[in-house]
C-alpha atoms as a PDB file:
ATOM      1  CA  MET A   1       4.081 -18.111 -35.574  1.00  0.00           C
ATOM      2  CA  ARG A   2       3.026 -14.582 -36.505  1.00  0.00           C
ATOM      3  CA  LEU A   3       1.077 -12.600 -33.924  1.00  0.00           C
ATOM      4  CA  ILE A   4      -1.606 -11.578 -36.413  1.00  0.00           C
ATOM      5  CA  ARG A   5      -5.235 -10.929 -35.567  1.00  0.00           C
ATOM      6  CA  PRO A   6      -7.250 -11.516 -38.757  1.00  0.00           C
ATOM      7  CA  LEU A   7     -10.801 -10.246 -39.086  1.00  0.00           C
ATOM      8  CA  ALA A   8     -12.455 -13.313 -37.586  1.00  0.00           C
ATOM      9  CA  LEU A   9     -10.228 -13.157 -34.508  1.00  0.00           C
ATOM     10  CA  ILE A  10     -10.762  -9.417 -34.104  1.00  0.00           C
ATOM     11  CA  CYS A  11     -14.495  -9.952 -34.174  1.00  0.00           C
ATOM     12  CA  LEU A  12     -14.234 -12.871 -31.743  1.00  0.00           C
ATOM     13  CA  ALA A  13     -12.136 -10.762 -29.382  1.00  0.00           C
ATOM     14  CA  PHE A  14     -14.828  -8.113 -29.289  1.00  0.00           C
ATOM     15  CA  GLY A  15     -17.685 -10.580 -29.056  1.00  0.00           C
ATOM     16  CA  LEU A  16     -18.948  -9.880 -32.564  1.00  0.00           C
ATOM     17  CA  GLY A  17     -20.811 -12.717 -34.240  1.00  0.00           C
ATOM     18  CA  SER A  18     -21.490 -13.176 -37.940  1.00  0.00           C
ATOM     19  CA  SER A  19     -24.631 -11.015 -37.859  1.00  0.00           C
ATOM     20  CA  ALA A  20     -22.694  -8.131 -36.287  1.00  0.00           C
ATOM     21  CA  ARG A  21     -19.898  -8.467 -38.826  1.00  0.00           C
ATOM     22  CA  ALA A  22     -22.440  -8.330 -41.628  1.00  0.00           C
ATOM     23  CA  ALA A  23     -23.464  -4.854 -40.463  1.00  0.00           C
ATOM     24  CA  VAL A  24     -19.976  -3.518 -41.213  1.00  0.00           C
ATOM     25  CA  PRO A  25     -18.980  -3.730 -44.904  1.00  0.00           C
ATOM     26  CA  VAL A  26     -15.885  -5.810 -45.596  1.00  0.00           C
ATOM     27  CA  TYR A  27     -13.558  -5.292 -48.567  1.00  0.00           C
ATOM     28  CA  THR A  28     -10.645  -7.152 -50.087  1.00  0.00           C
ATOM     29  CA  VAL A  29      -8.010  -5.436 -52.225  1.00  0.00           C
ATOM     30  CA  GLU A  30      -7.045  -5.848 -55.853  1.00  0.00           C
ATOM     31  CA  VAL A  31      -3.481  -4.838 -56.720  1.00  0.00           C
ATOM     32  CA  VAL A  32      -3.430  -2.196 -59.441  1.00  0.00           C
ATOM     33  CA  LYS A  33       0.333  -1.669 -59.472  1.00  0.00           C
ATOM     34  CA  THR A  34       3.369  -2.769 -57.454  1.00  0.00           C
ATOM     35  CA  TYR A  35       6.165  -0.355 -56.522  1.00  0.00           C
ATOM     36  CA  PRO A  36       9.532  -0.945 -54.831  1.00  0.00           C
ATOM     37  CA  HIS A  37       9.795  -0.292 -51.096  1.00  0.00           C
ATOM     38  CA  ASP A  38      12.901  -0.304 -48.915  1.00  0.00           C
ATOM     39  CA  PRO A  39      12.835  -3.700 -47.126  1.00  0.00           C
ATOM     40  CA  ALA A  40      14.894  -2.192 -44.295  1.00  0.00           C
ATOM     41  CA  ALA A  41      12.331   0.543 -43.611  1.00  0.00           C
ATOM     42  CA  PHE A  42      10.370  -0.074 -40.406  1.00  0.00           C
ATOM     43  CA  THR A  43       7.451   1.983 -41.677  1.00  0.00           C
ATOM     44  CA  GLU A  44       5.553   4.050 -39.116  1.00  0.00           C
ATOM     45  CA  GLY A  45       4.145   6.924 -41.175  1.00  0.00           C
ATOM     46  CA  LEU A  46       3.369   7.413 -44.857  1.00  0.00           C
ATOM     47  CA  TYR A  47       1.708   9.985 -47.087  1.00  0.00           C
ATOM     48  CA  TYR A  48       1.678  11.065 -50.741  1.00  0.00           C
ATOM     49  CA  ARG A  49       2.234  14.631 -51.894  1.00  0.00           C
ATOM     50  CA  ASP A  50       3.032  16.208 -55.268  1.00  0.00           C
ATOM     51  CA  GLY A  51       4.261  13.022 -56.893  1.00  0.00           C
ATOM     52  CA  SER A  52       6.375  11.745 -53.994  1.00  0.00           C
ATOM     53  CA  LEU A  53       5.917   9.507 -50.999  1.00  0.00           C
ATOM     54  CA  TYR A  54       6.958  10.752 -47.587  1.00  0.00           C
ATOM     55  CA  GLU A  55       7.817   8.063 -45.078  1.00  0.00           C
ATOM     56  CA  SER A  56       8.888   7.885 -41.452  1.00  0.00           C
ATOM     57  CA  THR A  57      10.426   4.846 -39.804  1.00  0.00           C
ATOM     58  CA  GLY A  58      10.860   3.570 -36.279  1.00  0.00           C
ATOM     59  CA  ARG A  59      13.390   1.779 -34.078  1.00  0.00           C
ATOM     60  CA  ASN A  60      16.035   3.671 -32.147  1.00  0.00           C
ATOM     61  CA  GLY A  61      19.018   4.459 -34.329  1.00  0.00           C
ATOM     62  CA  GLN A  62      17.050   3.542 -37.471  1.00  0.00           C
ATOM     63  CA  SER A  63      14.433   6.288 -37.435  1.00  0.00           C
ATOM     64  CA  PHE A  64      14.317   8.738 -40.310  1.00  0.00           C
ATOM     65  CA  ILE A  65      11.993  10.861 -42.409  1.00  0.00           C
ATOM     66  CA  ARG A  66      12.474  10.672 -46.155  1.00  0.00           C
ATOM     67  CA  GLN A  67      11.007  11.779 -49.442  1.00  0.00           C
ATOM     68  CA  VAL A  68      10.904   8.918 -51.938  1.00  0.00           C
ATOM     69  CA  ALA A  69      10.236   8.733 -55.676  1.00  0.00           C
ATOM     70  CA  LEU A  70       7.110   6.613 -56.049  1.00  0.00           C
ATOM     71  CA  ASP A  71       8.015   4.756 -59.252  1.00  0.00           C
ATOM     72  CA  THR A  72      11.604   3.869 -58.374  1.00  0.00           C
ATOM     73  CA  GLY A  73      11.738   3.911 -54.580  1.00  0.00           C
ATOM     74  CA  LYS A  74      14.804   6.178 -54.847  1.00  0.00           C
ATOM     75  CA  VAL A  75      15.398   8.416 -51.832  1.00  0.00           C
ATOM     76  CA  ILE A  76      15.232  12.088 -52.823  1.00  0.00           C
ATOM     77  CA  ARG A  77      15.870  13.572 -49.374  1.00  0.00           C
ATOM     78  CA  GLN A  78      16.290  12.139 -45.918  1.00  0.00           C
ATOM     79  CA  VAL A  79      16.866  13.278 -42.345  1.00  0.00           C
ATOM     80  CA  THR A  80      17.851  11.009 -39.453  1.00  0.00           C
ATOM     81  CA  ILE A  81      15.982  11.364 -36.180  1.00  0.00           C
ATOM     82  CA  ASP A  82      18.130  11.448 -33.034  1.00  0.00           C
ATOM     83  CA  LYS A  83      18.889   7.853 -32.007  1.00  0.00           C
ATOM     84  CA  LYS A  84      17.356   8.377 -28.577  1.00  0.00           C
ATOM     85  CA  TYR A  85      13.946   8.546 -30.277  1.00  0.00           C
ATOM     86  CA  PHE A  86      11.794   5.849 -31.862  1.00  0.00           C
ATOM     87  CA  GLY A  87      10.181   7.614 -34.816  1.00  0.00           C
ATOM     88  CA  GLU A  88       6.449   7.282 -35.402  1.00  0.00           C
ATOM     89  CA  GLY A  89       3.763   8.867 -37.600  1.00  0.00           C
ATOM     90  CA  ILE A  90       4.095  11.910 -39.841  1.00  0.00           C
ATOM     91  CA  ALA A  91       1.682  14.259 -41.592  1.00  0.00           C
ATOM     92  CA  PRO A  92       2.026  17.411 -43.692  1.00  0.00           C
ATOM     93  CA  TRP A  93       0.671  20.770 -42.598  1.00  0.00           C
ATOM     94  CA  GLY A  94       1.277  23.689 -44.935  1.00  0.00           C
ATOM     95  CA  ASP A  95       4.994  23.815 -45.706  1.00  0.00           C
ATOM     96  CA  HIS A  96       5.900  21.674 -42.719  1.00  0.00           C
ATOM     97  CA  ILE A  97       6.056  18.008 -41.743  1.00  0.00           C
ATOM     98  CA  ILE A  98       4.790  17.097 -38.278  1.00  0.00           C
ATOM     99  CA  SER A  99       6.266  13.973 -36.681  1.00  0.00           C
ATOM    100  CA  LEU A 100       5.735  11.932 -33.525  1.00  0.00           C
ATOM    101  CA  THR A 101       7.902   9.655 -31.405  1.00  0.00           C
ATOM    102  CA  TRP A 102       6.739   6.538 -29.615  1.00  0.00           C
ATOM    103  CA  THR A 103       7.193   6.790 -25.832  1.00  0.00           C
ATOM    104  CA  ASP A 104       9.065  10.062 -25.300  1.00  0.00           C
ATOM    105  CA  GLY A 105       6.133  12.461 -25.670  1.00  0.00           C
ATOM    106  CA  ALA A 106       8.257  14.435 -28.124  1.00  0.00           C
ATOM    107  CA  GLY A 107       7.014  15.772 -31.433  1.00  0.00           C
ATOM    108  CA  PHE A 108       8.790  17.766 -34.109  1.00  0.00           C
ATOM    109  CA  VAL A 109       7.840  20.286 -36.765  1.00  0.00           C
ATOM    110  CA  TRP A 110      10.187  19.999 -39.744  1.00  0.00           C
ATOM    111  CA  SER A 111      10.622  22.336 -42.670  1.00  0.00           C
ATOM    112  CA  GLY A 112       9.303  20.605 -45.765  1.00  0.00           C
ATOM    113  CA  LYS A 113      11.866  22.432 -47.882  1.00  0.00           C
ATOM    114  CA  ASP A 114      15.113  21.425 -46.192  1.00  0.00           C
ATOM    115  CA  PHE A 115      14.051  18.850 -43.545  1.00  0.00           C
ATOM    116  CA  LYS A 116      15.408  20.983 -40.700  1.00  0.00           C
ATOM    117  CA  ILE A 117      13.656  21.106 -37.333  1.00  0.00           C
ATOM    118  CA  HIS A 118      11.486  24.199 -37.088  1.00  0.00           C
ATOM    119  CA  ARG A 119      10.299  23.596 -33.514  1.00  0.00           C
ATOM    120  CA  ASN A 120       9.465  20.922 -30.930  1.00  0.00           C
ATOM    121  CA  PHE A 121       6.248  20.153 -29.090  1.00  0.00           C
ATOM    122  CA  SER A 122       5.178  17.687 -26.412  1.00  0.00           C
ATOM    123  CA  TYR A 123       2.169  15.492 -25.669  1.00  0.00           C
ATOM    124  CA  SER A 124       1.074  13.006 -23.031  1.00  0.00           C
ATOM    125  CA  GLY A 125       1.067   9.274 -23.568  1.00  0.00           C
ATOM    126  CA  GLU A 126       2.413   7.539 -26.650  1.00  0.00           C
ATOM    127  CA  GLY A 127       2.616   8.673 -30.254  1.00  0.00           C
ATOM    128  CA  TRP A 128       1.618   6.229 -33.019  1.00  0.00           C
ATOM    129  CA  GLY A 129      -0.040   7.449 -36.227  1.00  0.00           C
ATOM    130  CA  LEU A 130      -0.719  10.916 -37.633  1.00  0.00           C
ATOM    131  CA  THR A 131      -2.802  12.383 -40.448  1.00  0.00           C
ATOM    132  CA  GLY A 132      -4.887  15.483 -41.029  1.00  0.00           C
ATOM    133  CA  ASN A 133      -7.835  17.090 -42.795  1.00  0.00           C
ATOM    134  CA  ASP A 134      -8.426  20.740 -43.673  1.00  0.00           C
ATOM    135  CA  HIS A 135      -8.895  21.738 -40.036  1.00  0.00           C
ATOM    136  CA  ASN A 136      -6.975  19.456 -37.687  1.00  0.00           C
ATOM    137  CA  LEU A 137      -4.184  16.979 -37.310  1.00  0.00           C
ATOM    138  CA  ILE A 138      -5.419  13.582 -36.123  1.00  0.00           C
ATOM    139  CA  MET A 139      -3.271  11.402 -33.895  1.00  0.00           C
ATOM    140  CA  SER A 140      -3.427   7.811 -32.650  1.00  0.00           C
ATOM    141  CA  ASP A 141      -1.697   6.620 -29.485  1.00  0.00           C
ATOM    142  CA  GLY A 142      -2.318   2.861 -29.483  1.00  0.00           C
ATOM    143  CA  THR A 143      -5.578   3.155 -27.570  1.00  0.00           C
ATOM    144  CA  SER A 144      -9.141   3.170 -28.886  1.00  0.00           C
ATOM    145  CA  THR A 145      -9.270   6.991 -28.846  1.00  0.00           C
ATOM    146  CA  LEU A 146      -8.043   9.370 -31.551  1.00  0.00           C
ATOM    147  CA  ARG A 147      -6.917  12.907 -30.726  1.00  0.00           C
ATOM    148  CA  PHE A 148      -7.699  15.915 -32.909  1.00  0.00           C
ATOM    149  CA  LEU A 149      -4.976  18.550 -32.626  1.00  0.00           C
ATOM    150  CA  ASP A 150      -4.936  22.248 -33.380  1.00  0.00           C
ATOM    151  CA  PRO A 151      -2.368  22.400 -36.218  1.00  0.00           C
ATOM    152  CA  VAL A 152      -0.814  25.616 -34.885  1.00  0.00           C
ATOM    153  CA  THR A 153      -0.622  24.981 -31.141  1.00  0.00           C
ATOM    154  CA  LEU A 154      -0.558  21.164 -31.526  1.00  0.00           C
ATOM    155  CA  LYS A 155      -2.806  20.897 -28.479  1.00  0.00           C
ATOM    156  CA  VAL A 156      -5.741  18.498 -28.259  1.00  0.00           C
ATOM    157  CA  VAL A 157      -9.048  20.131 -29.218  1.00  0.00           C
ATOM    158  CA  ARG A 158     -11.222  17.008 -29.100  1.00  0.00           C
ATOM    159  CA  THR A 159     -11.032  13.246 -28.780  1.00  0.00           C
ATOM    160  CA  LEU A 160     -12.838  10.524 -30.702  1.00  0.00           C
ATOM    161  CA  PRO A 161     -13.509   7.038 -29.271  1.00  0.00           C
ATOM    162  CA  VAL A 162     -13.434   4.409 -32.033  1.00  0.00           C
ATOM    163  CA  THR A 163     -16.013   1.640 -31.902  1.00  0.00           C
ATOM    164  CA  ILE A 164     -17.278  -1.276 -33.927  1.00  0.00           C
ATOM    165  CA  ASN A 165     -20.923  -2.089 -33.240  1.00  0.00           C
ATOM    166  CA  GLY A 166     -20.659  -0.258 -29.928  1.00  0.00           C
ATOM    167  CA  ARG A 167     -17.447  -1.931 -28.742  1.00  0.00           C
ATOM    168  CA  SER A 168     -14.074  -0.191 -28.519  1.00  0.00           C
ATOM    169  CA  ILE A 169     -11.179  -1.288 -30.697  1.00  0.00           C
ATOM    170  CA  ASP A 170      -7.630  -0.338 -29.776  1.00  0.00           C
ATOM    171  CA  GLN A 171      -4.144  -0.769 -31.284  1.00  0.00           C
ATOM    172  CA  ILE A 172      -5.038   1.886 -33.877  1.00  0.00           C
ATOM    173  CA  ASN A 173      -1.809   2.703 -35.671  1.00  0.00           C
ATOM    174  CA  GLU A 174      -0.932   4.465 -38.958  1.00  0.00           C
ATOM    175  CA  LEU A 175      -3.598   6.880 -40.186  1.00  0.00           C
ATOM    176  CA  GLU A 176      -4.641   8.426 -43.495  1.00  0.00           C
ATOM    177  CA  TRP A 177      -7.430  10.863 -44.382  1.00  0.00           C
ATOM    178  CA  VAL A 178      -9.285   9.423 -47.396  1.00  0.00           C
ATOM    179  CA  ASP A 179     -12.249  11.270 -48.901  1.00  0.00           C
ATOM    180  CA  GLY A 180     -13.751  12.366 -45.605  1.00  0.00           C
ATOM    181  CA  GLU A 181     -12.934   9.222 -43.628  1.00  0.00           C
ATOM    182  CA  ILE A 182     -10.008   8.113 -41.483  1.00  0.00           C
ATOM    183  CA  TYR A 183      -8.299   4.922 -42.646  1.00  0.00           C
ATOM    184  CA  ALA A 184      -6.234   3.183 -39.971  1.00  0.00           C
ATOM    185  CA  ASN A 185      -4.005   0.147 -39.705  1.00  0.00           C
ATOM    186  CA  VAL A 186      -4.740  -1.965 -36.644  1.00  0.00           C
ATOM    187  CA  TRP A 187      -1.409  -3.133 -35.255  1.00  0.00           C
ATOM    188  CA  ARG A 188      -0.513  -6.774 -35.880  1.00  0.00           C
ATOM    189  CA  THR A 189      -3.541  -7.420 -38.047  1.00  0.00           C
ATOM    190  CA  ARG A 190      -4.069  -7.710 -41.786  1.00  0.00           C
ATOM    191  CA  GLU A 191      -6.883  -5.175 -41.656  1.00  0.00           C
ATOM    192  CA  ILE A 192      -7.405  -1.473 -42.265  1.00  0.00           C
ATOM    193  CA  ILE A 193     -10.450   0.061 -40.620  1.00  0.00           C
ATOM    194  CA  ARG A 194     -12.476   2.957 -42.010  1.00  0.00           C
ATOM    195  CA  ILE A 195     -13.575   5.398 -39.308  1.00  0.00           C
ATOM    196  CA  ASP A 196     -16.292   8.056 -39.401  1.00  0.00           C
ATOM    197  CA  PRO A 197     -14.522  11.201 -38.090  1.00  0.00           C
ATOM    198  CA  GLN A 198     -17.694  12.520 -36.481  1.00  0.00           C
ATOM    199  CA  THR A 199     -19.010   9.439 -34.684  1.00  0.00           C
ATOM    200  CA  GLY A 200     -15.918   7.239 -34.370  1.00  0.00           C
ATOM    201  CA  LYS A 201     -17.879   4.297 -35.745  1.00  0.00           C
ATOM    202  CA  ILE A 202     -16.040   1.832 -37.951  1.00  0.00           C
ATOM    203  CA  THR A 203     -17.776   1.987 -41.326  1.00  0.00           C
ATOM    204  CA  GLY A 204     -15.752  -0.662 -43.130  1.00  0.00           C
ATOM    205  CA  ILE A 205     -12.968  -3.229 -42.781  1.00  0.00           C
ATOM    206  CA  ILE A 206     -10.392  -3.702 -45.535  1.00  0.00           C
ATOM    207  CA  GLN A 207      -8.667  -7.085 -45.607  1.00  0.00           C
ATOM    208  CA  LEU A 208      -5.070  -7.193 -46.906  1.00  0.00           C
ATOM    209  CA  ASN A 209      -4.792 -11.000 -46.833  1.00  0.00           C
ATOM    210  CA  SER A 210      -4.178 -11.195 -50.579  1.00  0.00           C
ATOM    211  CA  LEU A 211      -0.916  -9.224 -50.401  1.00  0.00           C
ATOM    212  CA  PRO A 212       2.161 -11.496 -50.507  1.00  0.00           C
ATOM    213  CA  GLU A 213       3.877 -10.083 -47.415  1.00  0.00           C
ATOM    214  CA  THR A 214       0.916 -10.946 -45.188  1.00  0.00           C
ATOM    215  CA  GLN A 215       1.523 -14.626 -46.005  1.00  0.00           C
ATOM    216  CA  ASP A 216       5.350 -14.604 -46.013  1.00  0.00           C
ATOM    217  CA  ASN A 217       6.560 -16.474 -42.952  1.00  0.00           C
ATOM    218  CA  THR A 218      10.207 -15.693 -43.784  1.00  0.00           C
ATOM    219  CA  LEU A 219       9.704 -12.062 -42.719  1.00  0.00           C
ATOM    220  CA  GLU A 220      10.295 -11.195 -39.091  1.00  0.00           C
ATOM    221  CA  ILE A 221       7.370 -11.130 -36.692  1.00  0.00           C
ATOM    222  CA  ASP A 222       7.122  -7.320 -36.663  1.00  0.00           C
ATOM    223  CA  ALA A 223       6.917  -7.042 -40.478  1.00  0.00           C
ATOM    224  CA  VAL A 224       3.226  -6.227 -40.306  1.00  0.00           C
ATOM    225  CA  ALA A 225       0.979  -4.137 -42.508  1.00  0.00           C
ATOM    226  CA  ASN A 226       1.517  -0.475 -41.630  1.00  0.00           C
ATOM    227  CA  GLY A 227       1.485   2.396 -44.048  1.00  0.00           C
ATOM    228  CA  ILE A 228      -1.387   4.033 -45.935  1.00  0.00           C
ATOM    229  CA  ALA A 229      -1.083   6.875 -48.446  1.00  0.00           C
ATOM    230  CA  TYR A 230      -3.690   8.482 -50.690  1.00  0.00           C
ATOM    231  CA  ASP A 231      -3.437  10.565 -53.843  1.00  0.00           C
ATOM    232  CA  ALA A 232      -6.615  12.636 -53.563  1.00  0.00           C
ATOM    233  CA  LYS A 233      -6.321  14.042 -57.092  1.00  0.00           C
ATOM    234  CA  THR A 234      -6.278  10.696 -58.876  1.00  0.00           C
ATOM    235  CA  LYS A 235      -7.999   8.667 -56.117  1.00  0.00           C
ATOM    236  CA  ARG A 236      -5.069   6.247 -55.796  1.00  0.00           C
ATOM    237  CA  LEU A 237      -4.715   4.309 -52.548  1.00  0.00           C
ATOM    238  CA  PHE A 238      -1.299   2.932 -51.545  1.00  0.00           C
ATOM    239  CA  VAL A 239      -0.479   0.447 -48.786  1.00  0.00           C
ATOM    240  CA  THR A 240       2.697  -1.162 -47.469  1.00  0.00           C
ATOM    241  CA  GLY A 241       4.134  -2.556 -44.251  1.00  0.00           C
ATOM    242  CA  LYS A 242       7.111  -2.578 -41.922  1.00  0.00           C
ATOM    243  CA  LEU A 243      10.106  -4.167 -43.681  1.00  0.00           C
ATOM    244  CA  TRP A 244       8.041  -4.968 -46.771  1.00  0.00           C
ATOM    245  CA  PRO A 245       9.900  -5.052 -50.119  1.00  0.00           C
ATOM    246  CA  ASN A 246       6.840  -3.761 -51.959  1.00  0.00           C
ATOM    247  CA  LEU A 247       4.330  -0.936 -51.837  1.00  0.00           C
ATOM    248  CA  TYR A 248       0.988  -1.484 -53.549  1.00  0.00           C
ATOM    249  CA  GLU A 249      -1.551   0.681 -55.282  1.00  0.00           C
ATOM    250  CA  VAL A 250      -4.812  -1.103 -54.516  1.00  0.00           C
ATOM    251  CA  LYS A 251      -8.477  -0.980 -55.398  1.00  0.00           C
ATOM    252  CA  LEU A 252     -11.153  -1.929 -52.883  1.00  0.00           C
ATOM    253  CA  VAL A 253     -13.421  -4.817 -53.799  1.00  0.00           C
ATOM    254  CA  PRO A 254     -16.617  -5.380 -51.772  1.00  0.00           C
ATOM    255  CA  LYS A 255     -16.634  -8.868 -50.256  1.00  0.00           C
END
């Protein structure tokens, strides 16, 4: 059986009844277009930039960062992360790509031009997801608190507890900045949460139950939804998952 926490179970776990759930808008997704995705990619980080997807993967010995053609899924460039590391989230900053690792407290700044390591940095705790806005990088670590990082020093400048109706929610994973909000996968669920970057309050829950991979019991247990990318120019939202054969452009539909 899959270890999935759907919306009802998430709400039950945090003591949220139907009236509390009603206070937080819920959305389903409508598939606009389906794209190929490498079914061997254990997706940890994802973003869209200048017509390409950039993806990082996890698992020791299988971690890489790659640039991928959206329409075909063809790899344009790729770099392998040292096998001693379990790759995690990535985000762009200027001409560089910032990446995290899971339990080693090791981060890397890569050149976006040639995928060579520009410098290293360190952090406490675990590294999970990464995104950014015009001022900061934003990092998740599996807890209910997000870290805002100075993009130059990569040091924490503030933290943001994430709550739903006053209760903390953890297991926050892959992140994406979408029109002034933080979108986040919640590990081993079929949901994406929308987070207010000022208050940390969850302002919406996006259900991915309609996507085929969320119902496919032939996939391994860790093939969960994880991977959000956004094309800010055309307002296209993309989602995928670990080991999923497809990536989807989706439209949100109020439930």
